[in-house]
N, C-alpha and C. Protein backbone atom coordinates (compact mmCIF):
# COMPACT_ATOMS: atom_id res chain seq x y z
N UNK A 1 5.19 -2.67 -13.37
CA UNK A 1 6.13 -1.63 -13.03
C UNK A 1 6.79 -1.05 -14.27
N UNK A 2 6.99 -1.88 -15.27
CA UNK A 2 7.65 -1.40 -16.48
C UNK A 2 6.87 -0.27 -17.14
N UNK A 3 5.54 -0.34 -17.10
CA UNK A 3 4.72 0.70 -17.72
C UNK A 3 4.88 2.03 -16.98
N UNK A 4 5.03 1.97 -15.67
CA UNK A 4 5.19 3.21 -14.90
C UNK A 4 6.59 3.80 -15.08
N UNK A 5 7.57 2.96 -15.33
CA UNK A 5 8.91 3.47 -15.65
C UNK A 5 8.86 4.23 -16.98
N UNK A 6 8.14 3.68 -17.95
CA UNK A 6 7.99 4.38 -19.23
C UNK A 6 7.22 5.68 -19.04
N UNK A 7 6.18 5.68 -18.19
CA UNK A 7 5.45 6.92 -17.92
C UNK A 7 6.36 7.96 -17.27
N UNK A 8 7.24 7.53 -16.36
CA UNK A 8 8.18 8.47 -15.75
C UNK A 8 9.11 9.05 -16.81
N UNK A 9 9.57 8.22 -17.71
CA UNK A 9 10.42 8.72 -18.80
C UNK A 9 9.66 9.67 -19.72
N UNK A 10 8.39 9.39 -19.96
CA UNK A 10 7.56 10.29 -20.77
C UNK A 10 7.41 11.65 -20.07
N UNK A 11 7.25 11.63 -18.76
CA UNK A 11 7.17 12.89 -18.01
C UNK A 11 8.47 13.67 -18.10
N UNK A 12 9.59 12.96 -18.02
CA UNK A 12 10.89 13.63 -18.18
C UNK A 12 11.05 14.19 -19.59
N UNK A 13 10.58 13.44 -20.58
CA UNK A 13 10.62 13.93 -21.96
C UNK A 13 9.77 15.20 -22.10
N UNK A 14 8.62 15.19 -21.45
CA UNK A 14 7.73 16.35 -21.53
C UNK A 14 8.39 17.60 -20.96
N UNK A 15 9.25 17.41 -19.95
CA UNK A 15 9.95 18.56 -19.37
C UNK A 15 11.08 19.06 -20.26
N UNK A 16 11.73 18.15 -20.99
CA UNK A 16 12.87 18.56 -21.81
C UNK A 16 12.49 18.89 -23.26
N UNK A 17 11.37 18.39 -23.72
CA UNK A 17 10.96 18.56 -25.11
C UNK A 17 10.82 20.02 -25.55
N UNK A 18 10.29 20.92 -24.72
CA UNK A 18 10.15 22.30 -25.21
C UNK A 18 11.47 22.93 -25.64
N UNK A 19 12.54 22.60 -24.98
CA UNK A 19 13.85 23.14 -25.37
C UNK A 19 14.31 22.51 -26.68
N UNK A 20 14.16 21.19 -26.78
CA UNK A 20 14.63 20.49 -27.97
C UNK A 20 13.77 20.75 -29.20
N UNK A 21 12.46 20.98 -28.98
CA UNK A 21 11.55 21.20 -30.10
C UNK A 21 11.31 22.67 -30.40
N UNK A 22 11.95 23.54 -29.65
CA UNK A 22 11.79 24.99 -29.81
C UNK A 22 10.31 25.39 -29.74
N UNK A 23 9.67 24.98 -28.65
CA UNK A 23 8.25 25.24 -28.46
C UNK A 23 7.99 26.66 -27.98
N UNK A 24 6.76 27.11 -28.20
CA UNK A 24 6.37 28.43 -27.72
C UNK A 24 6.12 28.39 -26.21
N UNK A 25 5.85 29.54 -25.64
CA UNK A 25 5.75 29.67 -24.19
C UNK A 25 4.64 28.81 -23.59
N UNK A 26 3.46 28.77 -24.22
CA UNK A 26 2.35 27.98 -23.67
C UNK A 26 2.70 26.49 -23.60
N UNK A 27 3.28 25.96 -24.67
CA UNK A 27 3.66 24.54 -24.69
C UNK A 27 4.77 24.27 -23.69
N UNK A 28 5.69 25.20 -23.58
CA UNK A 28 6.79 25.04 -22.64
C UNK A 28 6.30 25.04 -21.19
N UNK A 29 5.47 25.99 -20.86
CA UNK A 29 4.91 26.05 -19.50
C UNK A 29 4.08 24.81 -19.18
N UNK A 30 3.30 24.35 -20.15
CA UNK A 30 2.49 23.16 -19.94
C UNK A 30 3.37 21.94 -19.68
N UNK A 31 4.44 21.80 -20.45
CA UNK A 31 5.35 20.68 -20.25
C UNK A 31 6.06 20.74 -18.92
N UNK A 32 6.41 21.95 -18.49
CA UNK A 32 7.11 22.09 -17.21
C UNK A 32 6.19 21.92 -16.00
N UNK A 33 4.90 22.04 -16.20
CA UNK A 33 3.95 21.82 -15.11
C UNK A 33 3.46 20.37 -15.09
N UNK A 34 3.04 19.85 -16.22
CA UNK A 34 2.45 18.52 -16.28
C UNK A 34 3.52 17.42 -16.19
N UNK A 35 4.68 17.65 -16.76
CA UNK A 35 5.75 16.65 -16.77
C UNK A 35 6.14 16.15 -15.38
N UNK A 36 6.48 17.05 -14.44
CA UNK A 36 6.85 16.58 -13.10
C UNK A 36 5.71 15.87 -12.36
N UNK A 37 4.48 16.26 -12.64
CA UNK A 37 3.36 15.59 -11.99
C UNK A 37 3.24 14.16 -12.50
N UNK A 38 3.41 13.97 -13.82
CA UNK A 38 3.37 12.63 -14.39
C UNK A 38 4.49 11.77 -13.81
N UNK A 39 5.68 12.34 -13.72
CA UNK A 39 6.82 11.60 -13.14
C UNK A 39 6.51 11.22 -11.70
N UNK A 40 5.99 12.14 -10.92
CA UNK A 40 5.69 11.87 -9.51
C UNK A 40 4.69 10.74 -9.35
N UNK A 41 3.58 10.80 -10.08
CA UNK A 41 2.57 9.75 -9.98
C UNK A 41 3.12 8.40 -10.47
N UNK A 42 3.93 8.42 -11.51
CA UNK A 42 4.48 7.17 -12.04
C UNK A 42 5.44 6.54 -11.05
N UNK A 43 6.28 7.35 -10.41
CA UNK A 43 7.24 6.80 -9.45
C UNK A 43 6.51 6.27 -8.22
N UNK A 44 5.50 6.97 -7.75
CA UNK A 44 4.72 6.49 -6.61
C UNK A 44 4.05 5.16 -6.95
N UNK A 45 3.62 4.99 -8.20
CA UNK A 45 2.92 3.77 -8.61
C UNK A 45 3.85 2.59 -8.86
N UNK A 46 5.17 2.76 -8.71
CA UNK A 46 6.10 1.64 -8.89
C UNK A 46 5.84 0.53 -7.89
N UNK A 47 5.47 0.87 -6.66
CA UNK A 47 5.28 -0.13 -5.61
C UNK A 47 3.89 -0.73 -5.71
N UNK A 48 3.82 -1.97 -5.32
CA UNK A 48 2.56 -2.69 -5.47
C UNK A 48 1.45 -2.13 -4.60
N UNK A 49 1.78 -1.68 -3.40
CA UNK A 49 0.75 -1.17 -2.50
C UNK A 49 0.20 0.18 -2.93
N UNK A 50 0.92 0.91 -3.77
CA UNK A 50 0.45 2.22 -4.23
C UNK A 50 0.22 2.22 -5.74
N UNK A 51 0.01 1.06 -6.31
CA UNK A 51 -0.13 0.94 -7.76
C UNK A 51 -1.34 1.70 -8.30
N UNK A 52 -2.37 1.89 -7.49
CA UNK A 52 -3.57 2.58 -7.95
C UNK A 52 -3.29 4.04 -8.33
N UNK A 53 -2.19 4.58 -7.86
CA UNK A 53 -1.84 5.97 -8.17
C UNK A 53 -1.58 6.13 -9.67
N UNK A 54 -1.32 5.03 -10.37
CA UNK A 54 -1.10 5.11 -11.82
C UNK A 54 -2.30 5.72 -12.52
N UNK A 55 -3.49 5.54 -11.95
CA UNK A 55 -4.71 6.07 -12.56
C UNK A 55 -4.79 7.59 -12.47
N UNK A 56 -4.01 8.19 -11.58
CA UNK A 56 -4.01 9.65 -11.47
C UNK A 56 -3.41 10.30 -12.72
N UNK A 57 -2.65 9.53 -13.50
CA UNK A 57 -2.08 10.06 -14.73
C UNK A 57 -3.09 10.10 -15.89
N UNK A 58 -4.23 9.42 -15.74
CA UNK A 58 -5.22 9.42 -16.82
C UNK A 58 -5.74 10.83 -17.14
N UNK A 59 -6.16 11.62 -16.14
CA UNK A 59 -6.61 12.98 -16.49
C UNK A 59 -5.49 13.84 -17.08
N UNK A 60 -4.26 13.59 -16.66
CA UNK A 60 -3.14 14.35 -17.22
C UNK A 60 -2.93 13.98 -18.68
N UNK A 61 -3.09 12.69 -19.01
CA UNK A 61 -2.99 12.28 -20.40
C UNK A 61 -4.09 12.89 -21.26
N UNK A 62 -5.29 12.94 -20.71
CA UNK A 62 -6.41 13.57 -21.43
C UNK A 62 -6.12 15.07 -21.61
N UNK A 63 -5.58 15.70 -20.58
CA UNK A 63 -5.23 17.12 -20.69
C UNK A 63 -4.21 17.33 -21.79
N UNK A 64 -3.22 16.45 -21.89
CA UNK A 64 -2.21 16.60 -22.94
C UNK A 64 -2.84 16.47 -24.33
N UNK A 65 -3.89 15.68 -24.46
CA UNK A 65 -4.58 15.58 -25.74
C UNK A 65 -5.36 16.84 -26.07
N UNK A 66 -5.87 17.51 -25.05
CA UNK A 66 -6.68 18.71 -25.26
C UNK A 66 -5.88 20.02 -25.24
N UNK A 67 -4.74 20.02 -24.58
CA UNK A 67 -3.98 21.25 -24.34
C UNK A 67 -3.60 22.03 -25.60
N UNK A 68 -3.22 21.37 -26.71
CA UNK A 68 -2.86 22.17 -27.89
C UNK A 68 -3.97 23.09 -28.37
N UNK A 69 -5.21 22.69 -28.20
CA UNK A 69 -6.32 23.54 -28.66
C UNK A 69 -6.79 24.49 -27.57
N UNK A 70 -6.74 24.04 -26.32
CA UNK A 70 -7.15 24.92 -25.22
C UNK A 70 -6.16 26.06 -25.05
N UNK A 71 -4.87 25.75 -25.15
CA UNK A 71 -3.83 26.76 -24.95
C UNK A 71 -3.40 27.45 -26.25
N UNK A 72 -3.87 26.95 -27.38
CA UNK A 72 -3.58 27.60 -28.66
C UNK A 72 -2.15 27.44 -29.12
N UNK A 73 -1.64 26.22 -29.18
CA UNK A 73 -0.28 25.99 -29.68
C UNK A 73 -0.19 26.41 -31.14
N UNK A 74 0.96 26.96 -31.51
CA UNK A 74 1.17 27.36 -32.89
C UNK A 74 2.16 26.45 -33.60
N UNK A 75 3.02 25.78 -32.84
CA UNK A 75 4.04 24.91 -33.40
C UNK A 75 3.47 23.51 -33.63
N UNK A 76 3.51 23.04 -34.87
CA UNK A 76 2.96 21.73 -35.20
C UNK A 76 3.68 20.61 -34.48
N UNK A 77 4.98 20.75 -34.31
CA UNK A 77 5.76 19.73 -33.62
C UNK A 77 5.35 19.61 -32.16
N UNK A 78 5.03 20.74 -31.53
CA UNK A 78 4.54 20.72 -30.15
C UNK A 78 3.19 20.04 -30.04
N UNK A 79 2.34 20.26 -31.02
CA UNK A 79 1.01 19.63 -31.03
C UNK A 79 1.15 18.12 -31.15
N UNK A 80 1.96 17.67 -32.10
CA UNK A 80 2.16 16.24 -32.30
C UNK A 80 2.80 15.61 -31.07
N UNK A 81 3.76 16.31 -30.48
CA UNK A 81 4.41 15.80 -29.27
C UNK A 81 3.41 15.62 -28.14
N UNK A 82 2.58 16.63 -27.90
CA UNK A 82 1.58 16.52 -26.83
C UNK A 82 0.59 15.39 -27.09
N UNK A 83 0.15 15.25 -28.34
CA UNK A 83 -0.80 14.19 -28.66
C UNK A 83 -0.18 12.81 -28.46
N UNK A 84 1.06 12.65 -28.89
CA UNK A 84 1.73 11.35 -28.75
C UNK A 84 1.99 11.02 -27.29
N UNK A 85 2.51 11.98 -26.54
CA UNK A 85 2.80 11.73 -25.12
C UNK A 85 1.51 11.51 -24.35
N UNK A 86 0.47 12.27 -24.64
CA UNK A 86 -0.81 12.09 -23.96
C UNK A 86 -1.39 10.71 -24.20
N UNK A 87 -1.37 10.25 -25.45
CA UNK A 87 -1.90 8.92 -25.76
C UNK A 87 -1.08 7.82 -25.08
N UNK A 88 0.24 7.98 -25.07
CA UNK A 88 1.10 6.98 -24.43
C UNK A 88 0.91 6.96 -22.91
N UNK A 89 0.78 8.14 -22.31
CA UNK A 89 0.56 8.20 -20.86
C UNK A 89 -0.75 7.50 -20.50
N UNK A 90 -1.79 7.73 -21.27
CA UNK A 90 -3.06 7.06 -21.01
C UNK A 90 -2.91 5.55 -21.16
N UNK A 91 -2.27 5.12 -22.24
CA UNK A 91 -2.11 3.69 -22.49
C UNK A 91 -1.31 3.01 -21.39
N UNK A 92 -0.19 3.60 -20.99
CA UNK A 92 0.65 2.97 -19.96
C UNK A 92 0.05 3.10 -18.57
N UNK A 93 -0.82 4.05 -18.36
CA UNK A 93 -1.49 4.17 -17.05
C UNK A 93 -2.55 3.08 -16.87
N UNK A 94 -3.03 2.53 -17.95
CA UNK A 94 -4.05 1.49 -17.88
C UNK A 94 -3.46 0.09 -17.67
N UNK A 95 -2.14 -0.04 -17.76
CA UNK A 95 -1.49 -1.33 -17.53
C UNK A 95 -1.51 -1.62 -16.04
N UNK A 96 -2.12 -2.73 -15.65
CA UNK A 96 -2.34 -3.03 -14.24
C UNK A 96 -1.10 -3.58 -13.54
N UNK A 97 -0.36 -4.43 -14.18
CA UNK A 97 0.79 -5.04 -13.53
C UNK A 97 0.38 -6.30 -12.78
N UNK A 98 1.38 -7.06 -12.39
CA UNK A 98 1.15 -8.33 -11.72
C UNK A 98 1.01 -8.11 -10.21
N UNK A 99 -0.05 -8.67 -9.63
CA UNK A 99 -0.27 -8.57 -8.19
C UNK A 99 0.36 -9.79 -7.52
N UNK A 100 1.29 -9.55 -6.60
CA UNK A 100 1.97 -10.64 -5.92
C UNK A 100 1.60 -10.73 -4.45
N UNK A 101 1.24 -9.65 -3.84
CA UNK A 101 0.95 -9.61 -2.40
C UNK A 101 -0.42 -8.96 -2.17
N UNK A 102 -0.99 -9.22 -0.99
CA UNK A 102 -2.22 -8.58 -0.55
C UNK A 102 -1.86 -7.65 0.61
N UNK A 103 -2.32 -6.44 0.55
CA UNK A 103 -2.00 -5.47 1.58
C UNK A 103 -3.26 -4.97 2.27
N UNK A 104 -3.30 -5.09 3.57
CA UNK A 104 -4.32 -4.47 4.42
C UNK A 104 -5.74 -4.84 4.15
N UNK A 105 -6.38 -4.21 3.25
CA UNK A 105 -7.79 -4.39 3.00
C UNK A 105 -8.54 -3.08 3.08
N UNK A 106 -7.83 -2.01 3.39
CA UNK A 106 -8.44 -0.69 3.43
C UNK A 106 -9.40 -0.53 4.60
N UNK A 107 -10.23 0.47 4.52
CA UNK A 107 -11.18 0.75 5.59
C UNK A 107 -12.23 -0.33 5.72
N UNK A 108 -12.48 -1.06 4.65
CA UNK A 108 -13.46 -2.14 4.71
C UNK A 108 -13.07 -3.23 5.70
N UNK A 109 -11.77 -3.41 5.93
CA UNK A 109 -11.29 -4.42 6.87
C UNK A 109 -11.69 -4.09 8.30
N UNK A 110 -11.90 -2.82 8.59
CA UNK A 110 -12.29 -2.41 9.94
C UNK A 110 -13.70 -2.92 10.27
N UNK A 111 -14.54 -3.02 9.27
CA UNK A 111 -15.94 -3.37 9.49
C UNK A 111 -16.24 -4.85 9.24
N UNK A 112 -15.26 -5.63 8.83
CA UNK A 112 -15.45 -7.07 8.61
C UNK A 112 -14.88 -7.84 9.79
N UNK A 113 -15.52 -8.92 10.15
CA UNK A 113 -15.04 -9.70 11.29
C UNK A 113 -14.03 -10.75 10.87
N UNK A 114 -14.08 -11.21 9.64
CA UNK A 114 -13.19 -12.28 9.20
C UNK A 114 -12.30 -11.77 8.07
N UNK A 115 -11.21 -11.12 8.43
CA UNK A 115 -10.28 -10.58 7.45
C UNK A 115 -9.12 -11.55 7.25
N UNK A 116 -8.39 -11.42 6.17
CA UNK A 116 -7.23 -12.31 5.96
C UNK A 116 -6.23 -12.23 7.11
N UNK A 117 -6.07 -11.04 7.70
CA UNK A 117 -5.11 -10.90 8.81
C UNK A 117 -5.60 -11.64 10.06
N UNK A 118 -6.91 -11.59 10.31
CA UNK A 118 -7.46 -12.30 11.47
C UNK A 118 -7.34 -13.81 11.28
N UNK A 119 -7.59 -14.28 10.05
CA UNK A 119 -7.45 -15.72 9.78
C UNK A 119 -6.00 -16.17 9.95
N UNK A 120 -5.07 -15.38 9.47
CA UNK A 120 -3.66 -15.73 9.59
C UNK A 120 -3.23 -15.74 11.06
N UNK A 121 -3.78 -14.84 11.87
CA UNK A 121 -3.42 -14.80 13.29
C UNK A 121 -3.96 -16.02 14.03
N UNK A 122 -5.11 -16.55 13.60
CA UNK A 122 -5.68 -17.72 14.25
C UNK A 122 -4.94 -19.00 13.90
N UNK A 123 -4.38 -19.04 12.72
CA UNK A 123 -3.66 -20.24 12.30
C UNK A 123 -2.35 -20.34 13.06
N UNK A 124 -2.00 -21.56 13.40
CA UNK A 124 -0.75 -21.77 14.11
C UNK A 124 0.36 -22.02 13.09
N UNK A 125 1.49 -21.43 13.32
CA UNK A 125 2.60 -21.68 12.39
C UNK A 125 3.08 -23.13 12.51
N UNK A 126 3.36 -23.71 11.39
CA UNK A 126 3.84 -25.08 11.38
C UNK A 126 5.35 -25.09 11.50
N UNK A 127 5.83 -25.92 12.39
CA UNK A 127 7.28 -26.01 12.61
C UNK A 127 7.91 -27.09 11.80
């Protein structure tokens, strides 16, 4: 969870950085579009059952690495900022976190006859 908190902070930084770094319009628009998406995916990934959403930030991190050249940034500080934030977003999105609980089993549980939930229902609770 700590890695996704940092990713959320990086997304917030991406939204505020254009004002603080005096970025041009392309860098500013990119930060205002990509930043909230990174924050959203990071916050959704805080919970264990939705942790896989952290991987949705990987393409956004790659985009941040490519955006200075695709969008033609002119400010060196904006380029360095995008490269640093993109690399950090990718790195923190790859952190898996500790698994403490098992949830559902997905659609595969529908087609299996012996699921963890079925086994637990068959077992009698001990008093």
